Amino acid sequence: MTSAAPAPALTSRLAETSTPIHPALAERWSPRSFVTTEPIDETVLTAALEAARWAPSANNSQPARFVVGRRGSAVFDTIAANLLGFNQVWAGSAAALIVGIAETSDDQGTPRRFAEYDLGQALAHLTVQAQLDRLHVHQMGGIDAAALSAAFGLPANQLPLTVTALGTLGTPDALPDEALRSRETAPRARRPLDEIVLVRE
């Protein structure tokens, strides 16, 4: 039986926008609490990775690379062990952890100037697809990139930049301390459009 618990959180976390946007975008937020009893559906995980694969990239260079660990696997444990700070406290509850890697040069050593930007686009596509499939995503920059590179034998031109946690939304009270629970329920906020759009005519 499917739990109805996520619904109130989705409603309460809905973005306040100046004009309507797609629900998958309006409902997207970055939780830290995930349901630990549900494995990730393989079809849904593959769909998220396919969305990343089909994201645009400069000259179709496709520099995004990923290391995917499902909860309970050695890969997952290795990724979790190389998170920094309080990310280690909560990220182990996710159903999967994905290292986002930018391939910064091609096989001939030519730099890929937009590799990091293109990885960001790929992860944005992954995030929206996961949201459409009723998963939630939290991206983290607090990682030990050197240790992850060593753990997975990455070459020098493959740079780990982020780790993304995916899973089914849990409840705030499942988090281990009050500071995390407060972050989970704090009001969402963004700068108004007139602060971020510098010119529009």
Protein backbone atom coordinates (compact mmCIF):
# COMPACT_ATOMS: atom_id res chain seq x y z
CA MET A 1 0.00 0.00 0.00
CA THR A 2 1.35 3.42 -0.95
CA SER A 3 1.88 5.85 1.91
CA ALA A 4 0.08 9.20 1.72
CA ALA A 5 2.71 10.90 3.90
CA PRO A 6 4.57 12.71 1.09
CA ALA A 7 1.50 14.62 -0.10
CA PRO A 8 1.35 17.21 2.71
CA ALA A 9 5.07 17.92 2.34
CA LEU A 10 4.68 18.46 -1.39
CA THR A 11 1.79 20.85 -0.86
CA SER A 12 3.56 22.80 1.88
CA ARG A 13 6.78 23.05 -0.17
CA LEU A 14 5.12 24.31 -3.35
CA ALA A 15 7.05 27.19 -4.92
CA GLU A 16 5.33 30.59 -4.92
CA THR A 17 5.80 31.77 -8.49
CA SER A 18 4.83 35.00 -10.27
CA THR A 19 3.18 32.94 -12.99
CA PRO A 20 2.32 29.23 -13.13
CA ILE A 21 5.13 26.80 -13.97
CA HIS A 22 5.04 23.05 -14.54
CA PRO A 23 4.08 21.20 -11.34
CA ALA A 24 7.24 19.06 -11.51
CA LEU A 25 9.25 22.26 -11.22
CA ALA A 26 7.00 24.00 -8.70
CA GLU A 27 7.01 20.93 -6.43
CA ARG A 28 10.75 20.32 -6.72
CA TRP A 29 12.75 20.88 -3.56
CA SER A 30 15.76 19.27 -1.92
CA PRO A 31 14.77 17.14 1.09
CA ARG A 32 17.14 15.34 3.43
CA SER A 33 14.68 12.73 4.67
CA PHE A 34 14.05 9.67 2.51
CA VAL A 35 12.08 6.49 3.11
CA THR A 36 14.64 3.84 4.00
CA THR A 37 12.35 0.85 3.43
CA GLU A 38 11.82 1.43 -0.30
CA PRO A 39 14.45 0.45 -2.88
CA ILE A 40 14.66 2.57 -5.99
CA ASP A 41 12.67 1.28 -8.96
CA GLU A 42 15.18 0.29 -11.66
CA THR A 43 13.00 1.61 -14.48
CA VAL A 44 12.66 4.96 -12.74
CA LEU A 45 16.41 5.14 -12.07
CA THR A 46 17.14 4.31 -15.70
CA ALA A 47 14.67 6.96 -16.86
CA ALA A 48 16.46 9.60 -14.75
CA LEU A 49 19.83 8.59 -16.21
CA GLU A 50 18.37 8.60 -19.73
CA ALA A 51 17.10 12.13 -19.15
CA ALA A 52 20.64 13.11 -18.18
CA ARG A 53 22.05 11.37 -21.25
CA TRP A 54 19.79 13.35 -23.59
CA ALA A 55 20.53 16.75 -22.05
CA PRO A 56 22.12 19.31 -24.41
CA SER A 57 25.88 19.83 -24.35
CA ALA A 58 28.37 22.04 -26.18
CA ASN A 59 29.08 20.58 -29.64
CA ASN A 60 27.26 17.45 -28.44
CA SER A 61 30.43 16.61 -26.51
CA GLN A 62 28.43 14.80 -23.80
CA PRO A 63 30.98 15.27 -20.98
CA ALA A 64 28.73 14.10 -18.13
CA ARG A 65 29.73 10.86 -16.43
CA PHE A 66 28.13 9.13 -13.44
CA VAL A 67 28.89 6.62 -10.72
CA VAL A 68 25.63 5.13 -9.41
CA GLY A 69 25.30 3.39 -6.07
CA ARG A 70 22.11 1.83 -4.76
CA ARG A 71 21.53 1.72 -1.00
CA GLY A 72 23.05 -1.47 0.41
CA SER A 73 25.81 -1.71 -2.19
CA ALA A 74 29.55 -1.21 -1.71
CA VAL A 75 29.46 1.63 -4.24
CA PHE A 76 26.78 3.44 -2.23
CA ASP A 77 28.79 3.03 0.97
CA THR A 78 31.93 4.37 -0.71
CA ILE A 79 30.09 7.44 -1.99
CA ALA A 80 28.46 8.07 1.40
CA ALA A 81 31.81 7.77 3.18
CA ASN A 82 33.23 10.55 1.00
CA LEU A 83 30.53 13.12 1.72
CA LEU A 84 31.58 16.03 3.87
CA GLY A 85 30.07 17.55 7.01
CA PHE A 86 26.47 16.94 7.91
CA ASN A 87 25.75 15.41 4.48
CA GLN A 88 27.04 12.16 5.97
CA VAL A 89 24.39 12.38 8.68
CA TRP A 90 21.36 12.15 6.40
CA ALA A 91 22.38 11.00 2.91
CA GLY A 92 22.58 7.33 3.86
CA SER A 93 18.78 7.20 3.89
CA ALA A 94 18.56 7.86 0.13
CA ALA A 95 17.71 4.99 -2.18
CA ALA A 96 20.62 5.87 -4.49
CA LEU A 97 23.62 8.16 -4.55
CA ILE A 98 25.01 9.38 -7.87
CA VAL A 99 28.41 11.01 -8.34
CA GLY A 100 28.24 13.69 -11.06
CA ILE A 101 31.49 13.83 -13.01
CA ALA A 102 32.60 16.31 -15.67
CA GLU A 103 34.99 15.02 -18.32
CA THR A 104 37.06 18.17 -18.73
CA SER A 105 39.03 17.20 -21.85
CA ASP A 106 38.59 14.84 -24.80
CA ASP A 107 40.74 11.84 -25.74
CA GLN A 108 43.24 14.13 -27.47
CA GLY A 109 43.59 16.35 -24.40
CA THR A 110 41.61 19.24 -25.85
CA PRO A 111 39.88 21.10 -22.98
CA ARG A 112 36.11 20.96 -22.83
CA ARG A 113 35.40 24.50 -21.70
CA PHE A 114 31.74 23.92 -20.89
CA ALA A 115 32.04 20.47 -19.30
CA GLU A 116 30.95 21.59 -15.83
CA TYR A 117 28.06 23.61 -17.25
CA ASP A 118 26.96 20.62 -19.32
CA LEU A 119 27.11 18.31 -16.31
CA GLY A 120 24.82 20.78 -14.54
CA GLN A 121 22.37 20.60 -17.42
CA ALA A 122 22.45 16.81 -17.34
CA LEU A 123 21.75 16.77 -13.61
CA ALA A 124 18.93 19.27 -14.03
CA HIS A 125 17.31 16.96 -16.59
CA LEU A 126 17.83 14.00 -14.24
CA THR A 127 16.20 15.96 -11.41
CA VAL A 128 13.09 16.89 -13.38
CA GLN A 129 12.61 13.34 -14.69
CA ALA A 130 12.98 11.94 -11.17
CA GLN A 131 10.44 14.47 -9.89
CA LEU A 132 7.99 13.47 -12.61
CA ASP A 133 8.40 9.89 -11.42
CA ARG A 134 7.59 10.96 -7.83
CA LEU A 135 11.13 10.72 -6.52
CA HIS A 136 12.92 13.53 -4.75
CA VAL A 137 16.47 14.67 -5.34
CA HIS A 138 19.06 16.49 -3.25
CA GLN A 139 22.32 17.59 -4.87
CA MET A 140 25.42 18.10 -2.72
CA GLY A 141 28.64 19.96 -3.35
CA GLY A 142 30.15 18.89 -0.02
CA ILE A 143 32.20 15.94 -1.25
CA ASP A 144 35.78 14.71 -1.11
CA ALA A 145 36.44 14.81 -4.85
CA ALA A 146 40.00 13.48 -4.61
CA ALA A 147 38.92 10.52 -2.51
CA LEU A 148 36.06 9.70 -4.88
CA SER A 149 38.43 9.89 -7.85
CA ALA A 150 40.79 7.49 -6.13
CA ALA A 151 38.04 5.13 -4.98
CA PHE A 152 36.61 4.72 -8.47
CA GLY A 153 39.87 4.94 -10.42
CA LEU A 154 38.87 8.03 -12.37
CA PRO A 155 41.38 9.49 -14.83
CA ALA A 156 42.69 13.02 -14.33
CA ASN A 157 40.24 14.50 -16.86
CA GLN A 158 37.17 13.15 -15.04
CA LEU A 159 36.34 15.56 -12.22
CA PRO A 160 33.75 14.65 -9.54
CA LEU A 161 31.73 17.77 -8.78
CA THR A 162 28.58 16.68 -6.98
CA VAL A 163 26.74 13.81 -5.38
CA THR A 164 22.99 13.51 -5.94
CA ALA A 165 20.74 11.67 -3.50
CA LEU A 166 17.53 10.14 -4.89
CA GLY A 167 14.67 8.49 -3.10
CA THR A 168 11.09 8.55 -1.90
CA LEU A 169 10.34 11.52 0.32
CA GLY A 170 10.41 10.73 4.03
CA THR A 171 9.07 12.66 7.00
CA PRO A 172 11.04 15.38 8.81
CA ASP A 173 10.80 13.53 12.13
CA ALA A 174 12.88 10.70 10.65
CA LEU A 175 15.93 12.97 10.60
CA PRO A 176 18.39 12.45 13.46
CA ASP A 177 18.60 15.95 14.93
CA GLU A 178 16.61 19.13 15.38
CA ALA A 179 18.84 21.25 13.14
CA LEU A 180 18.12 19.00 10.16
CA ARG A 181 14.42 18.81 10.99
CA SER A 182 14.26 22.61 11.08
CA ARG A 183 15.91 22.88 7.68
CA GLU A 184 13.45 20.36 6.29
CA THR A 185 10.44 22.45 7.24
CA ALA A 186 11.85 25.98 6.84
CA PRO A 187 10.07 28.25 4.34
CA ARG A 188 11.37 28.13 0.80
CA ALA A 189 12.65 31.40 -0.64
CA ARG A 190 14.11 32.74 -3.88
CA ARG A 191 15.17 36.18 -5.04
CA PRO A 192 12.42 37.96 -6.99
CA LEU A 193 12.67 37.98 -10.78
CA ASP A 194 13.55 41.67 -10.94
CA GLU A 195 16.73 40.94 -8.97
CA ILE A 196 17.99 38.16 -11.24
CA VAL A 197 16.84 39.38 -14.68
CA LEU A 198 19.27 42.18 -15.41
CA VAL A 199 17.81 43.27 -18.78
CA ARG A 200 14.43 42.43 -20.28
CA GLU A 201 12.70 44.36 -23.04
